[in-house]
Protein backbone atom coordinates (compact mmCIF):
# COMPACT_ATOMS: atom_id res chain seq x y z
CA MET A 1 -4.79 21.05 -14.26
CA THR A 2 -8.23 22.57 -14.63
CA GLY A 3 -11.73 22.22 -13.22
CA SER A 4 -12.04 19.72 -10.39
CA SER A 5 -8.27 19.13 -10.44
CA ASP A 6 -7.73 22.80 -9.52
CA SER A 7 -10.05 22.49 -6.55
CA LEU A 8 -8.27 19.31 -5.48
CA SER A 9 -4.88 21.01 -5.74
CA ARG A 10 -6.13 23.89 -3.58
CA ARG A 11 -7.44 21.32 -1.12
CA MET A 12 -4.00 19.70 -1.02
CA VAL A 13 -2.37 23.00 -0.12
CA MET A 14 -4.98 23.87 2.50
CA ARG A 15 -4.76 20.43 4.08
CA GLY A 16 -1.01 20.73 4.33
CA ALA A 17 -1.16 24.24 5.74
CA MET A 18 -3.76 23.28 8.32
CA GLY A 19 -1.79 20.23 9.32
CA ALA A 20 1.37 22.28 9.78
CA THR A 21 -0.22 24.78 12.14
CA ALA A 22 -2.98 22.91 13.97
CA ILE A 23 -3.06 22.87 17.76
CA VAL A 24 -3.25 19.35 19.08
CA THR A 25 -5.75 18.53 21.85
CA ALA A 26 -5.40 14.73 21.86
CA THR A 27 -2.83 12.18 20.83
CA PRO A 28 -3.16 11.78 17.05
CA ALA A 29 -4.69 8.56 15.77
CA LEU A 30 -1.60 7.08 14.19
CA ALA A 31 -2.34 4.33 11.71
CA GLN A 32 0.58 2.21 12.87
CA ARG A 33 0.49 -1.00 14.85
CA GLY A 34 1.93 -0.89 18.32
CA ARG A 35 1.19 2.79 18.89
CA LYS A 36 -1.03 3.73 21.82
CA VAL A 37 -3.95 5.82 20.61
CA ASP A 38 -5.80 8.14 22.97
CA LEU A 39 -9.02 9.34 21.37
CA PRO A 40 -12.05 11.12 22.80
CA ASP A 41 -15.49 9.50 22.85
CA ASP A 42 -16.80 11.92 20.26
CA PRO A 43 -17.09 11.18 16.51
CA ALA A 44 -16.36 14.77 15.49
CA ALA A 45 -13.26 14.91 17.67
CA MET A 46 -12.12 11.54 16.34
CA VAL A 47 -12.35 12.86 12.78
CA ALA A 48 -10.55 16.06 13.81
CA SER A 49 -7.67 13.97 15.15
CA LEU A 50 -6.89 12.92 11.57
CA THR A 51 -5.85 16.49 10.73
CA ASP A 52 -4.13 17.64 13.95
CA GLY A 53 -0.72 16.92 12.52
CA ILE A 54 0.96 16.00 9.25
CA PHE A 55 0.52 12.30 8.63
CA LEU A 56 3.16 10.78 6.37
CA ASN A 57 3.26 7.41 8.10
CA SER A 58 0.82 5.02 6.43
CA ASN A 59 1.20 5.56 2.66
CA GLU A 60 -2.29 7.05 2.47
CA HIS A 61 -3.05 9.27 -0.50
CA PRO A 62 -2.84 12.90 0.64
CA ILE A 63 -6.01 13.94 -1.21
CA GLY A 64 -8.30 11.00 -0.61
CA PRO A 65 -10.95 9.86 -3.10
CA GLY A 66 -10.90 11.32 -6.61
CA ALA A 67 -13.53 13.73 -7.85
CA ALA A 68 -15.62 11.02 -9.54
CA ALA A 69 -15.62 8.91 -6.38
CA LEU A 70 -16.58 11.89 -4.24
CA ASP A 71 -19.47 12.68 -6.57
CA ALA A 72 -20.70 9.09 -6.34
CA LEU A 73 -20.34 9.01 -2.56
CA ALA A 74 -22.25 12.28 -2.18
CA LYS A 75 -25.37 10.57 -3.53
CA LEU A 76 -25.22 7.66 -1.08
CA PRO A 77 -26.20 8.83 2.43
CA PRO A 78 -29.90 7.85 2.17
CA LEU A 79 -28.84 4.39 0.93
CA SER A 80 -25.89 3.75 3.23
CA GLY A 81 -27.98 1.33 5.26
CA ARG A 82 -28.05 -1.06 2.30
CA TYR A 83 -25.56 -3.86 1.77
CA GLY A 84 -25.43 -3.67 -2.03
CA MET A 85 -24.33 -7.29 -2.08
CA ALA A 86 -24.44 -7.64 -5.85
CA PHE A 87 -22.22 -4.62 -6.49
CA ALA A 88 -18.91 -6.41 -5.87
CA ALA A 89 -19.57 -8.68 -8.85
CA LYS A 90 -20.04 -5.61 -11.05
CA LEU A 91 -16.71 -4.24 -9.83
CA GLU A 92 -15.05 -7.58 -10.54
CA SER A 93 -16.42 -7.53 -14.08
CA LEU A 94 -15.25 -3.97 -14.70
CA PHE A 95 -11.74 -4.62 -13.42
CA ALA A 96 -11.57 -7.84 -15.44
CA ARG A 97 -12.70 -6.09 -18.61
CA GLN A 98 -10.15 -3.30 -18.18
CA ASN A 99 -7.30 -5.77 -17.62
CA GLY A 100 -7.98 -8.56 -20.10
CA LEU A 101 -9.28 -11.03 -17.51
CA SER A 102 -12.39 -13.08 -17.01
CA PRO A 103 -14.71 -12.02 -14.16
CA THR A 104 -14.13 -15.47 -12.65
CA GLN A 105 -10.46 -14.51 -12.25
CA VAL A 106 -11.20 -11.52 -9.99
CA GLN A 107 -12.43 -11.52 -6.40
CA VAL A 108 -13.25 -8.33 -4.49
CA HIS A 109 -12.57 -8.08 -0.75
CA PRO A 110 -12.72 -5.40 1.97
CA GLY A 111 -9.09 -4.43 1.34
CA SER A 112 -6.24 -6.72 0.28
CA PHE A 113 -5.11 -7.86 3.74
CA MET A 114 -7.42 -10.87 4.01
CA PRO A 115 -6.66 -12.18 0.52
CA LEU A 116 -2.96 -12.12 1.41
CA ARG A 117 -3.67 -14.08 4.58
CA SER A 118 -5.99 -16.51 2.80
CA VAL A 119 -3.29 -17.30 0.24
CA ALA A 120 -0.81 -18.05 3.02
CA LEU A 121 -3.27 -20.28 4.86
CA THR A 122 -4.37 -22.08 1.70
CA TYR A 123 -1.14 -22.60 -0.21
CA SER A 124 1.62 -22.66 2.41
CA SER A 125 2.13 -25.01 5.35
CA THR A 126 4.76 -26.28 7.75
CA ASP A 127 6.01 -28.53 4.95
CA ARG A 128 5.79 -25.95 2.17
CA PRO A 129 6.34 -22.50 3.68
CA ILE A 130 5.68 -19.04 2.34
CA ALA A 131 8.94 -17.36 1.32
CA TYR A 132 9.59 -13.65 1.03
CA PHE A 133 12.20 -10.97 1.47
CA GLU A 134 12.31 -8.73 4.51
CA PRO A 135 11.64 -6.03 5.22
CA THR A 136 8.41 -6.15 3.24
CA PHE A 137 4.66 -5.95 3.85
CA ASP A 138 4.35 -9.30 5.62
CA GLN A 139 1.60 -8.56 8.16
CA GLY A 140 -0.87 -10.71 6.28
CA PHE A 141 1.24 -13.76 7.02
CA LEU A 142 1.77 -13.09 10.72
CA GLY A 143 -0.46 -13.67 13.73
CA LEU A 144 -0.13 -13.58 17.51
CA GLY A 145 3.30 -12.41 18.58
CA ASN A 146 4.23 -11.78 14.95
CA GLN A 147 4.52 -15.52 14.43
CA SER A 148 3.81 -16.97 11.00
CA VAL A 149 0.27 -18.26 10.56
CA THR A 150 1.78 -21.27 8.76
CA ARG A 151 5.55 -21.33 8.32
CA SER A 152 7.61 -18.65 6.67
CA VAL A 153 11.12 -18.31 5.33
CA ALA A 154 12.12 -14.65 5.50
CA VAL A 155 15.22 -13.77 3.49
CA PRO A 156 17.06 -10.50 4.23
CA LEU A 157 17.30 -8.11 1.31
CA SER A 158 20.75 -7.69 -0.21
CA GLY A 159 23.14 -4.87 0.62
CA ASP A 160 21.45 -2.57 -1.86
CA PHE A 161 18.04 -3.65 -0.51
CA ALA A 162 17.06 -5.22 -3.83
CA GLY A 163 15.29 -8.56 -3.95
CA ASN A 164 16.79 -11.26 -6.18
CA PRO A 165 14.29 -14.12 -6.77
CA ARG A 166 17.21 -16.52 -7.29
CA THR A 167 18.23 -15.89 -3.69
CA LEU A 168 14.66 -16.45 -2.55
CA LEU A 169 14.36 -19.77 -4.39
CA ALA A 170 17.73 -20.95 -3.08
CA ALA A 171 16.67 -20.17 0.50
CA ALA A 172 13.31 -21.92 0.16
CA PRO A 173 13.43 -24.49 -2.66
CA ASP A 174 10.36 -26.27 -1.24
CA ALA A 175 8.06 -23.28 -0.66
CA GLY A 176 4.36 -23.41 -1.43
CA VAL A 177 4.13 -19.64 -1.92
CA TYR A 178 6.73 -17.11 -3.08
CA TYR A 179 5.64 -13.58 -2.17
CA LEU A 180 6.86 -10.41 -3.86
CA CYS A 181 5.56 -6.95 -3.03
CA ASN A 182 6.22 -5.00 -6.22
CA PRO A 183 7.15 -2.18 -5.75
CA ASN A 184 8.28 -3.35 -2.35
CA ASN A 185 7.05 -1.76 0.86
CA PRO A 186 9.02 -0.20 2.58
CA THR A 187 11.87 0.18 0.06
CA GLY A 188 9.77 1.20 -2.96
CA LEU A 189 12.14 -0.76 -5.20
CA VAL A 190 10.86 -2.71 -8.19
CA THR A 191 11.53 -6.35 -9.00
CA ALA A 192 12.15 -6.59 -12.75
CA ARG A 193 9.59 -8.56 -14.72
CA ALA A 194 12.35 -10.73 -16.16
CA ASP A 195 13.23 -11.83 -12.61
CA ILE A 196 9.60 -12.62 -11.85
CA ASP A 197 9.37 -14.65 -15.04
CA TRP A 198 12.52 -16.54 -14.02
CA LEU A 199 11.04 -17.41 -10.65
CA LEU A 200 7.81 -18.57 -12.27
CA ALA A 201 9.76 -20.81 -14.64
CA ASN A 202 12.02 -22.29 -11.95
CA LYS A 203 9.79 -22.58 -8.87
CA PRO A 204 8.78 -26.06 -7.66
CA LYS A 205 5.73 -27.63 -9.23
CA GLY A 206 2.48 -26.54 -7.63
CA ALA A 207 3.98 -23.51 -5.90
CA ILE A 208 2.24 -20.15 -6.24
CA LEU A 209 3.70 -16.73 -6.97
CA LEU A 210 1.86 -14.12 -4.93
CA ILE A 211 2.48 -10.61 -6.28
CA ASP A 212 1.28 -7.68 -4.18
CA GLU A 213 0.80 -4.74 -6.54
CA ALA A 214 -0.52 -2.23 -4.01
CA TYR A 215 1.77 0.50 -5.41
CA ILE A 216 2.13 -0.62 -9.03
CA ASP A 217 0.25 2.37 -10.46
CA PHE A 218 2.75 4.83 -8.99
CA SER A 219 5.61 3.07 -10.79
CA ASP A 220 6.76 2.17 -14.28
CA ALA A 221 6.82 -1.53 -13.37
CA ARG A 222 5.00 -3.99 -15.59
CA THR A 223 1.98 -5.61 -13.97
CA CYS A 224 1.69 -9.38 -13.63
CA LEU A 225 -2.01 -9.44 -14.48
CA ASP A 226 -1.14 -10.79 -17.93
CA LEU A 227 0.32 -13.85 -16.18
CA VAL A 228 -3.06 -14.33 -14.54
CA ALA A 229 -4.75 -14.06 -17.92
CA SER A 230 -2.41 -16.73 -19.30
CA GLY A 231 -3.38 -19.19 -16.55
CA ALA A 232 -0.04 -19.19 -14.74
CA ASP A 233 0.46 -20.18 -11.10
CA VAL A 234 0.18 -16.53 -10.12
CA LEU A 235 -2.06 -14.56 -7.78
CA VAL A 236 -2.03 -10.75 -7.85
CA THR A 237 -3.45 -8.48 -5.17
CA ARG A 238 -4.52 -4.89 -5.71
CA THR A 239 -5.91 -2.26 -3.35
CA PHE A 240 -7.96 0.90 -3.74
CA SER A 241 -6.38 2.29 -0.56
CA LYS A 242 -3.33 3.90 -2.15
CA ILE A 243 -3.44 5.75 -5.47
CA TYR A 244 -7.26 5.74 -5.45
CA GLY A 245 -7.34 7.26 -1.95
CA LEU A 246 -9.96 4.92 -0.46
CA ALA A 247 -7.99 3.63 2.56
CA GLY A 248 -10.77 4.36 5.04
CA LEU A 249 -13.44 2.73 2.90
CA ARG A 250 -11.63 -0.64 2.52
CA CYS A 251 -11.73 -2.16 -0.92
CA GLY A 252 -9.24 -4.45 -2.63
CA LEU A 253 -9.12 -7.50 -4.84
CA ILE A 254 -7.17 -10.58 -5.79
CA ALA A 255 -6.80 -11.89 -9.34
CA GLY A 256 -5.90 -15.43 -10.31
CA ARG A 257 -7.06 -18.63 -11.95
CA LYS A 258 -10.53 -19.66 -10.85
CA ASP A 259 -9.27 -22.87 -9.27
CA LEU A 260 -6.77 -20.90 -7.19
CA LEU A 261 -9.46 -18.49 -6.01
CA ASP A 262 -11.82 -21.38 -5.33
CA GLY A 263 -9.12 -23.03 -3.24
CA MET A 264 -9.24 -20.09 -0.85
CA ALA A 265 -13.02 -20.42 -0.38
CA ARG A 266 -12.74 -22.22 2.95
CA TYR A 267 -11.69 -18.90 4.49
CA GLY A 268 -14.63 -17.05 2.96
CA THR A 269 -15.07 -13.52 1.63
CA ASN A 270 -16.78 -10.85 3.66
CA ILE A 271 -19.15 -8.28 2.15
CA THR A 272 -17.17 -5.29 0.89
CA PRO A 273 -18.75 -2.05 2.15
CA MET A 274 -21.17 -0.79 -0.47
CA PRO A 275 -19.85 2.81 -0.45
CA ALA A 276 -16.35 1.44 -1.03
CA VAL A 277 -17.49 -0.54 -4.07
CA ILE A 278 -19.32 2.49 -5.46
CA ALA A 279 -16.26 4.70 -4.97
CA ALA A 280 -13.95 2.07 -6.49
CA GLU A 281 -16.22 1.67 -9.52
CA ALA A 282 -16.33 5.43 -10.07
CA SER A 283 -12.54 5.59 -9.74
CA LEU A 284 -11.98 2.88 -12.35
CA LEU A 285 -14.33 4.67 -14.74
CA ASP A 286 -12.36 7.94 -14.50
CA PRO A 287 -9.66 7.73 -17.21
CA THR A 288 -7.84 10.82 -15.94
CA LEU A 289 -7.34 9.80 -12.33
CA LEU A 290 -4.38 7.41 -12.52
CA PRO A 291 -2.17 9.41 -14.90
CA MET A 292 -2.88 12.62 -12.97
CA ARG A 293 -2.06 11.09 -9.60
CA LYS A 294 1.00 9.27 -10.88
CA ALA A 295 2.34 12.57 -12.26
CA GLU A 296 1.56 14.44 -9.03
CA ASN A 297 3.27 11.75 -6.97
CA LYS A 298 6.32 11.80 -9.25
CA ALA A 299 6.61 15.58 -8.94
CA VAL A 300 6.63 15.38 -5.14
CA ARG A 301 9.02 12.41 -5.21
CA ASP A 302 11.49 14.06 -7.59
CA ASP A 303 11.44 17.27 -5.55
CA LEU A 304 12.20 15.33 -2.38
CA TYR A 305 15.05 13.46 -4.06
CA ARG A 306 16.60 16.72 -5.29
CA TRP A 307 16.40 18.10 -1.77
CA LEU A 308 17.90 14.98 -0.21
CA ASP A 309 20.73 15.10 -2.75
CA ALA A 310 21.40 18.72 -1.81
CA GLN A 311 21.49 17.78 1.89
CA GLY A 312 23.81 14.84 1.28
CA LEU A 313 21.23 12.38 2.63
CA ARG A 314 21.10 8.89 1.16
CA TYR A 315 17.78 7.41 0.08
CA LEU A 316 16.48 4.45 -1.87
CA PRO A 317 15.16 5.29 -5.37
CA SER A 318 11.59 4.29 -4.64
CA GLN A 319 9.04 4.12 -7.44
CA ALA A 320 6.15 4.11 -4.98
CA SER A 321 4.43 6.77 -2.85
CA PHE A 322 7.03 6.69 -0.08
CA ALA A 323 10.78 6.48 0.37
CA MET A 324 13.33 5.16 2.84
CA ILE A 325 15.81 7.80 3.99
CA HIS A 326 19.12 7.00 5.69
CA VAL A 327 19.38 9.24 8.75
CA GLY A 328 22.63 7.77 10.09
CA ARG A 329 21.37 7.39 13.64
CA SER A 330 18.52 5.67 15.41
CA GLY A 331 15.55 5.84 13.07
CA ALA A 332 13.24 5.39 16.04
CA ASP A 333 14.73 8.48 17.70
CA VAL A 334 14.34 10.56 14.55
CA THR A 335 10.75 9.36 14.16
CA ALA A 336 10.02 10.37 17.76
CA ALA A 337 11.67 13.76 17.30
CA LEU A 338 9.49 14.45 14.27
CA ALA A 339 6.38 13.27 16.13
CA ALA A 340 7.17 15.82 18.84
CA GLN A 341 6.90 18.40 16.05
CA LYS A 342 3.59 16.89 14.87
CA ILE A 343 5.13 15.27 11.80
CA TYR A 344 4.26 11.58 11.78
CA ILE A 345 6.32 9.27 9.57
CA GLY A 346 7.01 5.56 9.32
CA GLY A 347 9.92 4.50 11.48
CA PRO A 348 12.83 2.13 10.86
CA ARG A 349 12.38 -1.41 9.59
CA LYS A 350 14.14 -4.71 10.22
CA TYR A 351 17.77 -4.52 9.09
CA MET A 352 17.27 -0.77 8.56
CA ASP A 353 17.61 0.61 12.08
CA ASP A 354 19.15 3.89 10.95
CA TRP A 355 16.57 4.58 8.24
CA VAL A 356 13.08 6.06 8.28
CA ARG A 357 10.21 5.78 5.82
CA VAL A 358 8.25 8.84 4.75
CA SER A 359 5.03 8.71 2.77
CA PHE A 360 4.63 11.41 0.17
CA GLY A 361 2.15 14.13 1.10
CA THR A 362 1.17 17.39 -0.50
CA PRO A 363 3.88 19.87 -1.54
CA VAL A 364 3.10 21.96 1.54
CA GLU A 365 3.29 18.93 3.82
CA MET A 366 6.60 17.88 2.31
CA GLN A 367 8.05 21.35 2.85
CA ALA A 368 7.14 21.08 6.52
CA PHE A 369 8.67 17.61 6.67
CA LYS A 370 11.95 18.80 5.15
CA ALA A 371 12.30 21.71 7.58
CA ARG A 372 11.52 19.60 10.61
CA LEU A 373 13.70 16.70 9.51
CA LEU A 374 16.66 19.07 9.42
CA LYS A 375 15.74 20.22 12.91
CA ALA A 376 15.49 16.62 14.12
CA LEU A 377 18.91 15.83 12.62
CA ALA A 378 20.62 18.96 13.92
């Protein structure tokens, strides 16, 4: 890599090195639900808490925004008091044009969480539930006490943690929504397009397929946006939080037939932060960003897999920006032991009590993770 990519690579190394050696003065601000966060009443100290450890727990991109997005954001401070309400429509048009869709088939939101929830509220009910495998990213469908906001049918993944849509349909033949996170979070495994096509062809009439493609660009999986273009009963969510590195800015979208998007209108759409839209637009206009970041992620992923093989540790062959690792003991204990060493990872998941999930960081961060994982397992 040359030019700005070189500077970004150096930044990756420095960030990892700083994270590995920093002295912690406050409990780190972990981006996980259910964790107590103790932060000072000081903006600078709050920001510093994001680097006083190595954070491999929330599938954030280790670099952050790409060079084009950073350049665009650098010009914004005098205008950050503006809403930029019309900008989201421009982003919708650009995404639509790049993916063979009509602008009326794309709706921008502050992240993809609310579109997921709106789909559940609109198209599932106590009579026609939302059906999905677990573990998966199901927070959008859950409310107080982790209870479903409508009614859900959660089907455990198979012994190899793969999701078979035939099993899902058999468990919920009357569902209003069938949800697939592809690649799945937390397993990183891909549902084959042929299986998605089968589910679309065999689902009950009027039911919706909701495909969450938050990590699709890290993988070799085929997108389902062409199903949207064809007018199928399909809704696809995307986020700029992952490969584009805009997690803190909050920008995402949902694509689908206009009547399906219109059906969700009763739950509204909030204004997406103007800086987020600007950064997302700049990211989409950079033709080098996705292939570069996919290659960088693959290099880190392959290196981790080689190391895990050498250590005799089992893992799932994720195609995303994270992986589940079988630690053979309480995953919660291993997660806590790593946190004591200032390495913060995702813990175990339902039906995976002796596994942990690690997000992929910089090469330096991953080296620190490997060394401290061995210490935690000793």
